[in-house]
N, C-alpha and C. Protein backbone atom coordinates (compact mmCIF):
# COMPACT_ATOMS: atom_id res chain seq x y z
N MET A 1 5.44 -5.68 -7.79
CA MET A 1 6.47 -4.25 -7.60
C MET A 1 6.59 -4.54 -6.14
N THR A 2 7.62 -4.99 -5.94
CA THR A 2 8.22 -5.12 -4.61
C THR A 2 8.54 -3.37 -3.94
N ARG A 3 9.58 -2.75 -4.73
CA ARG A 3 9.95 -1.62 -4.21
C ARG A 3 8.97 -0.44 -4.09
N ARG A 4 9.26 0.21 -2.92
CA ARG A 4 8.36 1.42 -3.07
C ARG A 4 8.36 2.43 -4.05
N PRO A 5 7.56 2.52 -4.79
CA PRO A 5 7.37 3.64 -5.98
C PRO A 5 7.87 5.14 -5.30
N HIS A 6 8.29 5.41 -6.10
CA HIS A 6 8.92 6.91 -5.94
C HIS A 6 7.84 8.47 -6.32
N LYS A 7 6.68 8.07 -6.80
CA LYS A 7 5.50 9.04 -6.45
C LYS A 7 4.29 8.16 -6.95
N CYS A 8 3.40 8.73 -6.59
CA CYS A 8 1.72 8.10 -6.88
C CYS A 8 1.36 8.37 -8.36
N PRO A 9 1.01 7.35 -8.87
CA PRO A 9 0.61 7.28 -10.87
C PRO A 9 -0.74 8.27 -10.88
N ARG A 10 -1.59 8.60 -9.37
CA ARG A 10 -2.84 9.27 -9.92
C ARG A 10 -2.56 10.56 -9.43
N CYS A 11 -1.96 10.58 -8.42
CA CYS A 11 -2.19 12.55 -7.98
C CYS A 11 -0.92 13.08 -7.79
N GLY A 12 0.63 12.04 -8.12
CA GLY A 12 1.79 12.67 -8.22
C GLY A 12 2.79 12.78 -6.95
N SER A 13 1.70 12.43 -5.49
CA SER A 13 2.59 12.45 -4.55
C SER A 13 4.18 11.51 -3.86
N GLU A 14 4.35 12.28 -3.18
CA GLU A 14 5.55 11.22 -3.05
C GLU A 14 5.59 10.50 -1.76
N ARG A 15 4.19 10.86 -1.42
CA ARG A 15 3.60 10.47 0.37
C ARG A 15 3.14 9.20 0.21
N ILE A 16 4.00 7.91 0.42
CA ILE A 16 3.75 6.59 -0.41
C ILE A 16 4.15 5.71 0.88
N ALA A 17 2.82 5.15 1.60
CA ALA A 17 2.98 4.50 2.74
C ALA A 17 3.03 2.99 2.79
N ARG A 18 3.48 2.24 3.16
CA ARG A 18 3.44 0.31 3.26
C ARG A 18 2.51 0.49 3.73
N ILE A 19 1.55 -0.52 3.24
CA ILE A 19 0.47 -1.46 3.89
C ILE A 19 0.49 -2.58 4.65
N LEU A 20 0.44 -2.62 5.67
CA LEU A 20 0.56 -3.56 6.77
C LEU A 20 -0.58 -3.84 7.43
N TYR A 21 -0.40 -5.87 6.90
CA TYR A 21 -1.95 -6.94 6.90
C TYR A 21 -1.44 -7.64 8.42
N GLY A 22 -2.54 -7.75 8.63
CA GLY A 22 -2.65 -8.69 9.82
C GLY A 22 -2.86 -8.16 11.04
N MET A 23 -2.73 -8.78 11.99
CA MET A 23 -2.62 -7.86 14.02
C MET A 23 -0.95 -7.91 14.39
N PRO A 24 -0.41 -6.79 13.58
CA PRO A 24 0.81 -5.95 14.16
C PRO A 24 0.99 -5.91 15.44
N ALA A 25 2.26 -6.14 15.66
CA ALA A 25 2.29 -6.18 17.52
C ALA A 25 2.57 -4.67 17.50
N PHE A 26 2.03 -4.02 18.68
CA PHE A 26 2.00 -2.60 18.52
C PHE A 26 2.98 -1.79 18.95
N SER A 27 4.25 -1.43 18.87
CA SER A 27 5.28 -0.91 19.55
C SER A 27 5.37 0.54 19.22
N GLU A 28 6.37 1.56 20.10
CA GLU A 28 6.88 2.70 19.88
C GLU A 28 7.35 2.93 18.23
N GLU A 29 8.01 2.34 17.72
CA GLU A 29 8.21 2.30 15.97
C GLU A 29 6.72 2.04 15.23
N LEU A 30 6.31 1.43 15.55
CA LEU A 30 5.09 1.12 14.60
C LEU A 30 4.15 2.42 14.56
N ARG A 31 4.15 3.04 16.15
CA ARG A 31 3.07 4.33 16.13
C ARG A 31 3.77 4.97 15.14
N ARG A 32 5.33 5.04 15.13
CA ARG A 32 6.29 6.30 14.68
C ARG A 32 6.10 6.50 13.04
N GLU A 33 5.52 4.96 12.61
CA GLU A 33 5.68 4.88 11.26
C GLU A 33 4.01 5.16 10.81
N LEU A 34 3.24 5.02 11.74
CA LEU A 34 1.51 4.91 11.36
C LEU A 34 1.92 6.82 11.47
N GLU A 35 1.94 7.43 12.42
CA GLU A 35 1.78 9.24 12.81
C GLU A 35 2.35 9.76 11.81
N SER A 36 4.17 9.51 11.01
CA SER A 36 4.36 10.31 10.15
C SER A 36 4.33 9.90 8.41
N GLY A 37 3.46 8.35 8.62
CA GLY A 37 2.65 8.10 7.24
C GLY A 37 3.06 7.37 5.80
N ARG A 38 4.41 6.79 6.94
CA ARG A 38 5.20 5.82 6.22
C ARG A 38 4.57 4.03 6.58
N ALA A 39 3.51 4.11 7.41
CA ALA A 39 2.89 2.54 7.31
C ALA A 39 1.42 3.50 7.35
N VAL A 40 0.58 2.25 7.01
CA VAL A 40 -0.45 2.40 7.43
C VAL A 40 -0.99 0.68 8.02
N LEU A 41 -2.29 1.03 8.27
CA LEU A 41 -3.01 -0.53 8.56
C LEU A 41 -3.99 -0.75 7.61
N GLY A 42 -3.92 -1.94 6.75
CA GLY A 42 -4.55 -2.83 5.97
C GLY A 42 -5.66 -3.26 6.43
N GLY A 43 -5.74 -4.10 7.47
CA GLY A 43 -6.87 -4.74 8.02
C GLY A 43 -6.22 -6.35 8.33
N CYS A 44 -7.00 -7.24 8.42
CA CYS A 44 -6.45 -8.59 8.85
C CYS A 44 -6.99 -9.57 8.06
N VAL A 45 -7.83 -9.25 6.75
CA VAL A 45 -8.23 -10.15 5.81
C VAL A 45 -7.13 -10.12 4.63
N ILE A 46 -6.90 -10.97 4.57
CA ILE A 46 -5.72 -11.11 3.21
C ILE A 46 -6.52 -11.95 2.00
N THR A 47 -5.92 -11.42 1.24
CA THR A 47 -6.69 -12.04 -0.24
C THR A 47 -5.58 -12.75 -0.87
N GLY A 48 -4.75 -12.35 -0.84
CA GLY A 48 -3.46 -12.40 -1.78
C GLY A 48 -3.24 -12.04 -3.16
N ASN A 49 -4.66 -10.61 -2.94
CA ASN A 49 -4.20 -9.49 -4.46
C ASN A 49 -4.42 -8.11 -3.49
N ASP A 50 -3.79 -8.66 -2.12
CA ASP A 50 -3.57 -7.27 -1.85
C ASP A 50 -2.71 -6.29 -1.84
N PRO A 51 -2.49 -5.04 -2.20
CA PRO A 51 -1.65 -3.80 -2.23
C PRO A 51 -0.57 -4.19 -1.13
N ARG A 52 0.45 -3.59 -1.68
CA ARG A 52 1.72 -3.39 -0.64
C ARG A 52 2.10 -1.75 -0.72
N TRP A 53 1.54 -0.99 -1.57
CA TRP A 53 1.51 0.63 -1.11
C TRP A 53 0.54 1.30 -1.07
N GLN A 54 0.40 2.09 -0.58
CA GLN A 54 -0.66 3.31 -0.75
C GLN A 54 -1.04 4.60 -0.61
N CYS A 55 -0.97 5.88 -1.45
CA CYS A 55 -0.64 6.90 -1.37
C CYS A 55 -1.17 7.68 -0.14
N THR A 56 -0.97 8.41 0.89
CA THR A 56 -1.23 9.11 1.75
C THR A 56 -2.19 10.34 1.54
N ASN A 57 -2.10 10.75 0.40
CA ASN A 57 -2.63 11.70 -0.25
C ASN A 57 -3.58 11.52 -0.90
N CYS A 58 -3.77 10.71 -2.15
CA CYS A 58 -4.94 10.14 -2.70
C CYS A 58 -5.79 8.96 -2.13
N SER A 59 -5.12 7.88 -1.53
CA SER A 59 -5.22 6.53 -0.85
C SER A 59 -5.56 5.69 -2.46
N TYR A 60 -4.81 6.04 -3.47
CA TYR A 60 -4.60 4.89 -4.26
C TYR A 60 -3.59 4.18 -3.68
N GLU A 61 -4.04 2.85 -4.16
CA GLU A 61 -3.11 1.70 -3.89
C GLU A 61 -2.22 0.99 -4.55
N MET A 62 -1.31 0.55 -4.49
CA MET A 62 -0.38 0.04 -5.70
C MET A 62 0.92 -1.12 -5.43
N GLY A 63 0.96 -1.96 -6.22
CA GLY A 63 1.81 -3.08 -5.99
C GLY A 63 1.06 -4.05 -5.57
N ARG A 64 -0.27 -4.29 -6.59
CA ARG A 64 -0.67 -5.86 -6.09
C ARG A 64 -0.23 -6.95 -7.20
N PRO A 65 -0.24 -8.05 -6.76
CA PRO A 65 0.33 -9.43 -7.54
C PRO A 65 0.18 -8.72 -9.02
N ARG A 66 0.75 -9.74 -9.94
CA ARG A 66 0.57 -9.35 -11.03
C ARG A 66 -0.85 -10.38 -11.41
N GLY A 67 -1.64 -9.29 -12.52
CA GLY A 67 -2.67 -10.48 -13.04
C GLY A 67 -2.41 -11.66 -14.58
N ALA A 68 -3.44 -12.11 -14.79
CA ALA A 68 -3.07 -13.05 -15.57
C ALA A 68 -2.47 -12.30 -16.91
N SER A 69 -3.07 -11.19 -17.37
CA SER A 69 -2.18 -10.48 -17.71
C SER A 69 -0.68 -10.35 -17.82
N GLY A 70 -0.10 -10.45 -16.76
CA GLY A 70 1.50 -10.35 -16.35
C GLY A 70 1.56 -8.77 -16.05
N ALA A 71 0.28 -7.76 -16.04
CA ALA A 71 0.47 -6.24 -15.73
C ALA A 71 -0.18 -6.41 -14.16
N ALA A 72 0.83 -5.33 -13.34
CA ALA A 72 0.56 -5.18 -12.22
C ALA A 72 -1.12 -4.18 -12.08
N LEU A 73 -1.54 -4.71 -10.94
CA LEU A 73 -2.54 -4.09 -11.19
C LEU A 73 -2.84 -2.72 -9.91
N GLY A 74 -3.59 -1.70 -10.34
CA GLY A 74 -4.10 -0.89 -9.19
C GLY A 74 -5.16 -0.73 -8.87
N ASN A 75 -5.72 -0.09 -8.00
CA ASN A 75 -7.36 -0.11 -7.71
C ASN A 75 -8.38 0.16 -8.35
N ASP A 76 -8.05 1.11 -9.50
CA ASP A 76 -8.97 1.56 -10.38
C ASP A 76 -8.83 0.22 -11.65
N ASP A 77 -7.95 -0.61 -11.58
CA ASP A 77 -8.03 -1.80 -12.37
C ASP A 77 -8.89 -3.10 -11.63
N LEU A 78 -9.49 -3.22 -10.83
CA LEU A 78 -10.55 -3.73 -9.99
C LEU A 78 -12.12 -3.40 -10.31
N ALA A 79 -12.34 -2.53 -10.91
CA ALA A 79 -13.65 -2.27 -10.82
C ALA A 79 -14.61 -3.09 -11.45
């Protein structure tokens, strides 16, 4: 899933933020994105199975790389 989802499959919220990984360069634009909920920080450890999107209402993560079955994985699928 490379495009931003329209709504969260868990709670239905339309507040979906892109997840930024690594050590982002802080700027006024980044500050505004974080404060508005358009972006969230995902941390510095990158595993290759990292989600691209997070619901800011319920924290559900979406947009993981496709698993062996070809299905896109959400965070409930990894338990």
